[in-house]
Amino acid sequence: MRTLAGGKEAILERFGVSRESGERLETYVGLLLTWQARINLIGSSTLDDIWMRHIADALQLLALLPDNTKTLADLGSGAGIPGLVLAIARPLEAHLFESNLKKGAFLREAARQTRARAQVHSLRIERAGSLAGTIKAEAVTARALAPLSRLLDYAAPFLQNGAIGYFHKGQDVDAELTNATISWKMEVEKHPSMTDSRGLILVVKEAHRVR
């Protein structure tokens, strides 16, 4: 059972999205549906519920991001969820890491049409950390990318440069945490998902590999 209800207007109001940003999100959703006919960006079973399953799922991070967050890195960005959605809703600079060239083309077009401050990096996720020192993001995000232990491998360079991790996780998160503690010492917080009662947002403030 979901903990957040309502359609597009209720979602935009719930997360304090301005009218202008709401219109830009509508543009994004329209592009997503158009491109979905050509490339697989989101699960076909979620097409009838994009605003809740994808837009609200991304926007719930707004309440967790510190007010001074200016730059974020979105790992395995795919359709731009959550990174591009957040950059549309707020004046953030998003660095979107996506190795699939077709998805990267979508991200660039969506950023252009929504006037989001977003840069697409067509790199394999293993190489994303090479730019951590240059980007100096305050936040690093990922949704349904990898088990936590492997995800921390990708995110560690950003965390070590001062970023906080915001990771969408499902019902197996406790098992992932247990497995990750074999290799990582972490400071984490768990926040219930507002869109899926079985999921949560894992906030990783520190992560150091155990030697």
C-alpha atoms as a PDB file:
ATOM      1  CA  MET A   1       0.000   0.000   0.000  1.00  0.00           C
ATOM      2  CA  ARG A   2       1.346   3.398  -0.919  1.00  0.00           C
ATOM      3  CA  THR A   3       1.749   6.086   1.713  1.00  0.00           C
ATOM      4  CA  LEU A   4       1.201   8.939  -0.753  1.00  0.00           C
ATOM      5  CA  ALA A   5      -1.994   9.321  -2.770  1.00  0.00           C
ATOM      6  CA  GLY A   6      -3.224  11.635  -5.493  1.00  0.00           C
ATOM      7  CA  GLY A   7      -2.666  12.579  -9.096  1.00  0.00           C
ATOM      8  CA  LYS A   8      -0.339  15.015 -10.783  1.00  0.00           C
ATOM      9  CA  GLU A   9      -1.636  18.204  -9.152  1.00  0.00           C
ATOM     10  CA  ALA A  10      -1.648  16.694  -5.666  1.00  0.00           C
ATOM     11  CA  ILE A  11       1.894  15.436  -6.141  1.00  0.00           C
ATOM     12  CA  LEU A  12       3.206  18.813  -7.311  1.00  0.00           C
ATOM     13  CA  GLU A  13       1.505  20.551  -4.391  1.00  0.00           C
ATOM     14  CA  ARG A  14       2.743  17.984  -1.873  1.00  0.00           C
ATOM     15  CA  PHE A  15       6.354  18.576  -2.820  1.00  0.00           C
ATOM     16  CA  GLY A  16       6.096  22.341  -3.215  1.00  0.00           C
ATOM     17  CA  VAL A  17       6.854  22.368  -6.934  1.00  0.00           C
ATOM     18  CA  SER A  18       6.251  25.747  -8.562  1.00  0.00           C
ATOM     19  CA  ARG A  19       3.853  26.182 -11.447  1.00  0.00           C
ATOM     20  CA  GLU A  20       6.725  26.759 -13.883  1.00  0.00           C
ATOM     21  CA  SER A  21       8.617  23.696 -12.696  1.00  0.00           C
ATOM     22  CA  GLY A  22       5.390  21.686 -12.841  1.00  0.00           C
ATOM     23  CA  GLU A  23       4.999  22.626 -16.501  1.00  0.00           C
ATOM     24  CA  ARG A  24       8.590  21.565 -17.161  1.00  0.00           C
ATOM     25  CA  LEU A  25       7.898  18.225 -15.467  1.00  0.00           C
ATOM     26  CA  GLU A  26       4.873  17.806 -17.734  1.00  0.00           C
ATOM     27  CA  THR A  27       7.180  18.389 -20.713  1.00  0.00           C
ATOM     28  CA  TYR A  28       9.537  15.753 -19.327  1.00  0.00           C
ATOM     29  CA  VAL A  29       6.744  13.210 -18.900  1.00  0.00           C
ATOM     30  CA  GLY A  30       5.529  13.852 -22.449  1.00  0.00           C
ATOM     31  CA  LEU A  31       9.032  13.258 -23.822  1.00  0.00           C
ATOM     32  CA  LEU A  32       9.396  10.134 -21.714  1.00  0.00           C
ATOM     33  CA  LEU A  33       6.231   8.663 -23.191  1.00  0.00           C
ATOM     34  CA  THR A  34       7.296   9.558 -26.731  1.00  0.00           C
ATOM     35  CA  TRP A  35      10.766   8.057 -26.398  1.00  0.00           C
ATOM     36  CA  GLN A  36       9.442   5.017 -24.531  1.00  0.00           C
ATOM     37  CA  ALA A  37       7.877   3.892 -27.807  1.00  0.00           C
ATOM     38  CA  ARG A  38      11.392   3.603 -29.260  1.00  0.00           C
ATOM     39  CA  ILE A  39      13.627   2.631 -26.347  1.00  0.00           C
ATOM     40  CA  ASN A  40      12.885   1.039 -23.006  1.00  0.00           C
ATOM     41  CA  LEU A  41      13.279   3.794 -20.407  1.00  0.00           C
ATOM     42  CA  ILE A  42      10.866   2.631 -17.686  1.00  0.00           C
ATOM     43  CA  GLY A  43       8.946  -0.551 -16.979  1.00  0.00           C
ATOM     44  CA  SER A  44       5.924  -0.922 -19.239  1.00  0.00           C
ATOM     45  CA  SER A  45       3.749  -1.815 -16.232  1.00  0.00           C
ATOM     46  CA  THR A  46       4.344   1.678 -14.790  1.00  0.00           C
ATOM     47  CA  LEU A  47       3.303   3.701 -17.850  1.00  0.00           C
ATOM     48  CA  ASP A  48      -0.196   4.362 -16.518  1.00  0.00           C
ATOM     49  CA  ASP A  49       1.147   5.629 -13.201  1.00  0.00           C
ATOM     50  CA  ILE A  50       4.205   7.681 -14.148  1.00  0.00           C
ATOM     51  CA  TRP A  51       3.506  10.575 -11.804  1.00  0.00           C
ATOM     52  CA  MET A  52       3.387   8.392  -8.701  1.00  0.00           C
ATOM     53  CA  ARG A  53       5.817   5.610  -9.620  1.00  0.00           C
ATOM     54  CA  HIS A  54       8.508   7.862 -11.047  1.00  0.00           C
ATOM     55  CA  ILE A  55       7.983  11.602 -10.524  1.00  0.00           C
ATOM     56  CA  ALA A  56       6.840  11.439  -6.898  1.00  0.00           C
ATOM     57  CA  ASP A  57       9.401   8.719  -6.233  1.00  0.00           C
ATOM     58  CA  ALA A  58      12.133  11.161  -7.274  1.00  0.00           C
ATOM     59  CA  LEU A  59      10.635  14.271  -5.676  1.00  0.00           C
ATOM     60  CA  GLN A  60      10.510  12.690  -2.222  1.00  0.00           C
ATOM     61  CA  LEU A  61      14.272  13.224  -2.036  1.00  0.00           C
ATOM     62  CA  LEU A  62      13.721  16.996  -1.884  1.00  0.00           C
ATOM     63  CA  ALA A  63      12.795  16.803   1.788  1.00  0.00           C
ATOM     64  CA  LEU A  64      16.032  14.933   2.551  1.00  0.00           C
ATOM     65  CA  LEU A  65      18.476  17.096   0.602  1.00  0.00           C
ATOM     66  CA  PRO A  66      20.157  19.842   2.669  1.00  0.00           C
ATOM     67  CA  ASP A  67      19.066  23.343   1.690  1.00  0.00           C
ATOM     68  CA  ASN A  68      22.565  24.202   0.446  1.00  0.00           C
ATOM     69  CA  THR A  69      22.639  21.356  -2.091  1.00  0.00           C
ATOM     70  CA  LYS A  70      23.653  22.797  -5.436  1.00  0.00           C
ATOM     71  CA  THR A  71      25.132  19.869  -7.348  1.00  0.00           C
ATOM     72  CA  LEU A  72      24.278  16.181  -7.528  1.00  0.00           C
ATOM     73  CA  ALA A  73      25.626  13.126  -9.316  1.00  0.00           C
ATOM     74  CA  ASP A  74      23.076  10.584 -10.509  1.00  0.00           C
ATOM     75  CA  LEU A  75      24.564   7.140 -11.095  1.00  0.00           C
ATOM     76  CA  GLY A  76      23.027   4.891 -13.733  1.00  0.00           C
ATOM     77  CA  SER A  77      20.599   7.668 -14.583  1.00  0.00           C
ATOM     78  CA  GLY A  78      18.550   5.770 -17.178  1.00  0.00           C
ATOM     79  CA  ALA A  79      15.452   7.893 -17.737  1.00  0.00           C
ATOM     80  CA  GLY A  80      16.796  10.607 -15.419  1.00  0.00           C
ATOM     81  CA  ILE A  81      15.094   9.388 -12.266  1.00  0.00           C
ATOM     82  CA  PRO A  82      15.782  10.811  -9.785  1.00  0.00           C
ATOM     83  CA  GLY A  83      18.573  13.111 -10.984  1.00  0.00           C
ATOM     84  CA  LEU A  84      17.007  14.920 -13.924  1.00  0.00           C
ATOM     85  CA  VAL A  85      13.596  15.152 -12.231  1.00  0.00           C
ATOM     86  CA  LEU A  86      15.230  16.881  -9.252  1.00  0.00           C
ATOM     87  CA  ALA A  87      17.084  19.295 -11.542  1.00  0.00           C
ATOM     88  CA  ILE A  88      13.797  20.191 -13.222  1.00  0.00           C
ATOM     89  CA  ALA A  89      11.990  20.748  -9.925  1.00  0.00           C
ATOM     90  CA  ARG A  90      14.737  22.735  -8.204  1.00  0.00           C
ATOM     91  CA  PRO A  91      17.670  24.940  -9.306  1.00  0.00           C
ATOM     92  CA  LEU A  92      20.178  22.098  -9.045  1.00  0.00           C
ATOM     93  CA  GLU A  93      23.002  21.137 -11.366  1.00  0.00           C
ATOM     94  CA  ALA A  94      22.732  17.423 -12.141  1.00  0.00           C
ATOM     95  CA  HIS A  95      25.516  15.268 -13.516  1.00  0.00           C
ATOM     96  CA  LEU A  96      23.836  12.254 -15.094  1.00  0.00           C
ATOM     97  CA  PHE A  97      25.965   9.144 -15.598  1.00  0.00           C
ATOM     98  CA  GLU A  98      24.527   6.838 -18.254  1.00  0.00           C
ATOM     99  CA  SER A  99      26.582   4.571 -20.515  1.00  0.00           C
ATOM    100  CA  ASN A 100      23.703   3.589 -22.813  1.00  0.00           C
ATOM    101  CA  LEU A 101      23.982   5.990 -25.755  1.00  0.00           C
ATOM    102  CA  LYS A 102      20.276   5.924 -26.629  1.00  0.00           C
ATOM    103  CA  LYS A 103      19.289   6.729 -23.062  1.00  0.00           C
ATOM    104  CA  GLY A 104      21.957   9.408 -23.021  1.00  0.00           C
ATOM    105  CA  ALA A 105      20.389  10.962 -26.119  1.00  0.00           C
ATOM    106  CA  PHE A 106      17.029  11.032 -24.353  1.00  0.00           C
ATOM    107  CA  LEU A 107      18.560  12.662 -21.283  1.00  0.00           C
ATOM    108  CA  ARG A 108      20.202  15.388 -23.366  1.00  0.00           C
ATOM    109  CA  GLU A 109      16.986  16.146 -25.249  1.00  0.00           C
ATOM    110  CA  ALA A 110      14.917  16.133 -22.061  1.00  0.00           C
ATOM    111  CA  ALA A 111      17.384  18.466 -20.349  1.00  0.00           C
ATOM    112  CA  ARG A 112      17.311  20.791 -23.365  1.00  0.00           C
ATOM    113  CA  GLN A 113      13.526  20.957 -23.605  1.00  0.00           C
ATOM    114  CA  THR A 114      12.991  21.362 -19.863  1.00  0.00           C
ATOM    115  CA  ARG A 115      15.876  23.853 -19.543  1.00  0.00           C
ATOM    116  CA  ALA A 116      17.317  21.808 -16.695  1.00  0.00           C
ATOM    117  CA  ARG A 117      20.903  22.358 -15.644  1.00  0.00           C
ATOM    118  CA  ALA A 118      22.096  18.871 -16.448  1.00  0.00           C
ATOM    119  CA  GLN A 119      25.201  17.361 -17.992  1.00  0.00           C
ATOM    120  CA  VAL A 120      25.169  13.824 -19.360  1.00  0.00           C
ATOM    121  CA  HIS A 121      28.307  11.719 -18.960  1.00  0.00           C
ATOM    122  CA  SER A 122      28.379   8.731 -21.300  1.00  0.00           C
ATOM    123  CA  LEU A 123      30.672   6.674 -19.101  1.00  0.00           C
ATOM    124  CA  ARG A 124      30.518   3.190 -17.700  1.00  0.00           C
ATOM    125  CA  ILE A 125      29.387   3.421 -14.100  1.00  0.00           C
ATOM    126  CA  GLU A 126      32.733   2.032 -12.894  1.00  0.00           C
ATOM    127  CA  ARG A 127      34.407   5.166 -14.251  1.00  0.00           C
ATOM    128  CA  ALA A 128      32.008   7.726 -12.799  1.00  0.00           C
ATOM    129  CA  GLY A 129      34.124   8.215  -9.709  1.00  0.00           C
ATOM    130  CA  SER A 130      36.987   9.561 -11.818  1.00  0.00           C
ATOM    131  CA  LEU A 131      35.044  12.835 -12.047  1.00  0.00           C
ATOM    132  CA  ALA A 132      34.125  13.064  -8.362  1.00  0.00           C
ATOM    133  CA  GLY A 133      36.929  15.497  -7.538  1.00  0.00           C
ATOM    134  CA  THR A 134      35.968  17.752 -10.441  1.00  0.00           C
ATOM    135  CA  ILE A 135      32.215  17.744  -9.890  1.00  0.00           C
ATOM    136  CA  LYS A 136      32.345  18.069  -6.073  1.00  0.00           C
ATOM    137  CA  ALA A 137      28.701  17.081  -5.710  1.00  0.00           C
ATOM    138  CA  GLU A 138      26.930  17.516  -2.382  1.00  0.00           C
ATOM    139  CA  ALA A 139      24.631  14.585  -3.197  1.00  0.00           C
ATOM    140  CA  VAL A 140      24.964  11.301  -5.068  1.00  0.00           C
ATOM    141  CA  THR A 141      21.797   9.439  -6.075  1.00  0.00           C
ATOM    142  CA  ALA A 142      20.903   6.068  -7.563  1.00  0.00           C
ATOM    143  CA  ARG A 143      17.674   4.139  -8.057  1.00  0.00           C
ATOM    144  CA  ALA A 144      17.536   0.377  -8.632  1.00  0.00           C
ATOM    145  CA  LEU A 145      21.150   0.354  -9.792  1.00  0.00           C
ATOM    146  CA  ALA A 146      22.953  -2.363  -7.828  1.00  0.00           C
ATOM    147  CA  PRO A 147      23.133  -4.133  -4.462  1.00  0.00           C
ATOM    148  CA  LEU A 148      24.407  -1.779  -1.760  1.00  0.00           C
ATOM    149  CA  SER A 149      27.900  -3.249  -1.474  1.00  0.00           C
ATOM    150  CA  ARG A 150      28.540  -2.755  -5.196  1.00  0.00           C
ATOM    151  CA  LEU A 151      26.734   0.592  -5.220  1.00  0.00           C
ATOM    152  CA  LEU A 152      29.120   1.860  -2.555  1.00  0.00           C
ATOM    153  CA  ASP A 153      32.029   0.917  -4.819  1.00  0.00           C
ATOM    154  CA  TYR A 154      30.595   3.277  -7.444  1.00  0.00           C
ATOM    155  CA  ALA A 155      29.585   6.040  -5.016  1.00  0.00           C
ATOM    156  CA  ALA A 156      32.630   5.988  -2.707  1.00  0.00           C
ATOM    157  CA  PRO A 157      34.666   8.608  -4.621  1.00  0.00           C
ATOM    158  CA  PHE A 158      31.744  11.038  -4.355  1.00  0.00           C
ATOM    159  CA  LEU A 159      31.174  10.254  -0.673  1.00  0.00           C
ATOM    160  CA  GLN A 160      34.875  10.777   0.026  1.00  0.00           C
ATOM    161  CA  ASN A 161      34.615  14.194  -1.653  1.00  0.00           C
ATOM    162  CA  GLY A 162      31.863  15.266   0.735  1.00  0.00           C
ATOM    163  CA  ALA A 163      28.681  14.033  -0.933  1.00  0.00           C
ATOM    164  CA  ILE A 164      25.826  12.326   0.904  1.00  0.00           C
ATOM    165  CA  GLY A 165      24.271   9.283  -0.740  1.00  0.00           C
ATOM    166  CA  TYR A 166      20.517   9.023  -1.375  1.00  0.00           C
ATOM    167  CA  PHE A 167      19.663   5.561  -2.610  1.00  0.00           C
ATOM    168  CA  HIS A 168      16.224   4.123  -3.396  1.00  0.00           C
ATOM    169  CA  LYS A 169      16.052   0.616  -1.967  1.00  0.00           C
ATOM    170  CA  GLY A 170      13.449  -2.136  -1.807  1.00  0.00           C
ATOM    171  CA  GLN A 171      12.317  -4.678   0.734  1.00  0.00           C
ATOM    172  CA  ASP A 172      15.667  -6.516   0.767  1.00  0.00           C
ATOM    173  CA  VAL A 173      17.575  -3.532   2.138  1.00  0.00           C
ATOM    174  CA  ASP A 174      18.340  -5.119   5.513  1.00  0.00           C
ATOM    175  CA  ALA A 175      19.996  -8.084   3.825  1.00  0.00           C
ATOM    176  CA  GLU A 176      21.948  -5.668   1.609  1.00  0.00           C
ATOM    177  CA  LEU A 177      23.075  -3.703   4.667  1.00  0.00           C
ATOM    178  CA  THR A 178      24.203  -6.863   6.424  1.00  0.00           C
ATOM    179  CA  ASN A 179      26.197  -7.947   3.400  1.00  0.00           C
ATOM    180  CA  ALA A 180      27.698  -4.490   2.910  1.00  0.00           C
ATOM    181  CA  THR A 181      29.023  -4.348   6.475  1.00  0.00           C
ATOM    182  CA  ILE A 182      31.440  -7.128   5.572  1.00  0.00           C
ATOM    183  CA  SER A 183      33.361  -4.663   3.419  1.00  0.00           C
ATOM    184  CA  TRP A 184      32.143  -1.244   4.550  1.00  0.00           C
ATOM    185  CA  LYS A 185      31.855   0.794   7.736  1.00  0.00           C
ATOM    186  CA  MET A 186      28.892   3.099   7.208  1.00  0.00           C
ATOM    187  CA  GLU A 187      26.837   5.844   8.805  1.00  0.00           C
ATOM    188  CA  VAL A 188      23.347   5.403   7.402  1.00  0.00           C
ATOM    189  CA  GLU A 189      19.763   6.511   7.944  1.00  0.00           C
ATOM    190  CA  LYS A 190      16.652   4.711   6.705  1.00  0.00           C
ATOM    191  CA  HIS A 191      13.633   6.761   5.611  1.00  0.00           C
ATOM    192  CA  PRO A 192      10.370   5.049   4.603  1.00  0.00           C
ATOM    193  CA  SER A 193       9.462   5.558   0.970  1.00  0.00           C
ATOM    194  CA  MET A 194       6.477   7.830   0.415  1.00  0.00           C
ATOM    195  CA  THR A 195       5.489   5.950  -2.738  1.00  0.00           C
ATOM    196  CA  ASP A 196       6.028   2.297  -1.848  1.00  0.00           C
ATOM    197  CA  SER A 197       5.413   0.827   1.607  1.00  0.00           C
ATOM    198  CA  ARG A 198       7.940  -1.927   0.884  1.00  0.00           C
ATOM    199  CA  GLY A 199      10.729   0.496  -0.039  1.00  0.00           C
ATOM    200  CA  LEU A 200      12.820   3.137   1.606  1.00  0.00           C
ATOM    201  CA  ILE A 201      15.425   5.798   0.975  1.00  0.00           C
ATOM    202  CA  LEU A 202      18.822   4.907   2.358  1.00  0.00           C
ATOM    203  CA  VAL A 203      20.842   7.993   3.286  1.00  0.00           C
ATOM    204  CA  VAL A 204      24.552   7.227   3.484  1.00  0.00           C
ATOM    205  CA  LYS A 205      26.502   9.977   5.220  1.00  0.00           C
ATOM    206  CA  GLU A 206      29.804   8.134   5.399  1.00  0.00           C
ATOM    207  CA  ALA A 207      31.216   4.911   3.994  1.00  0.00           C
ATOM    208  CA  HIS A 208      34.742   3.632   4.457  1.00  0.00           C
ATOM    209  CA  ARG A 209      36.035   0.336   3.148  1.00  0.00           C
ATOM    210  CA  VAL A 210      37.082  -2.067   5.894  1.00  0.00           C
ATOM    211  CA  ARG A 211      40.703  -3.044   5.432  1.00  0.00           C
END
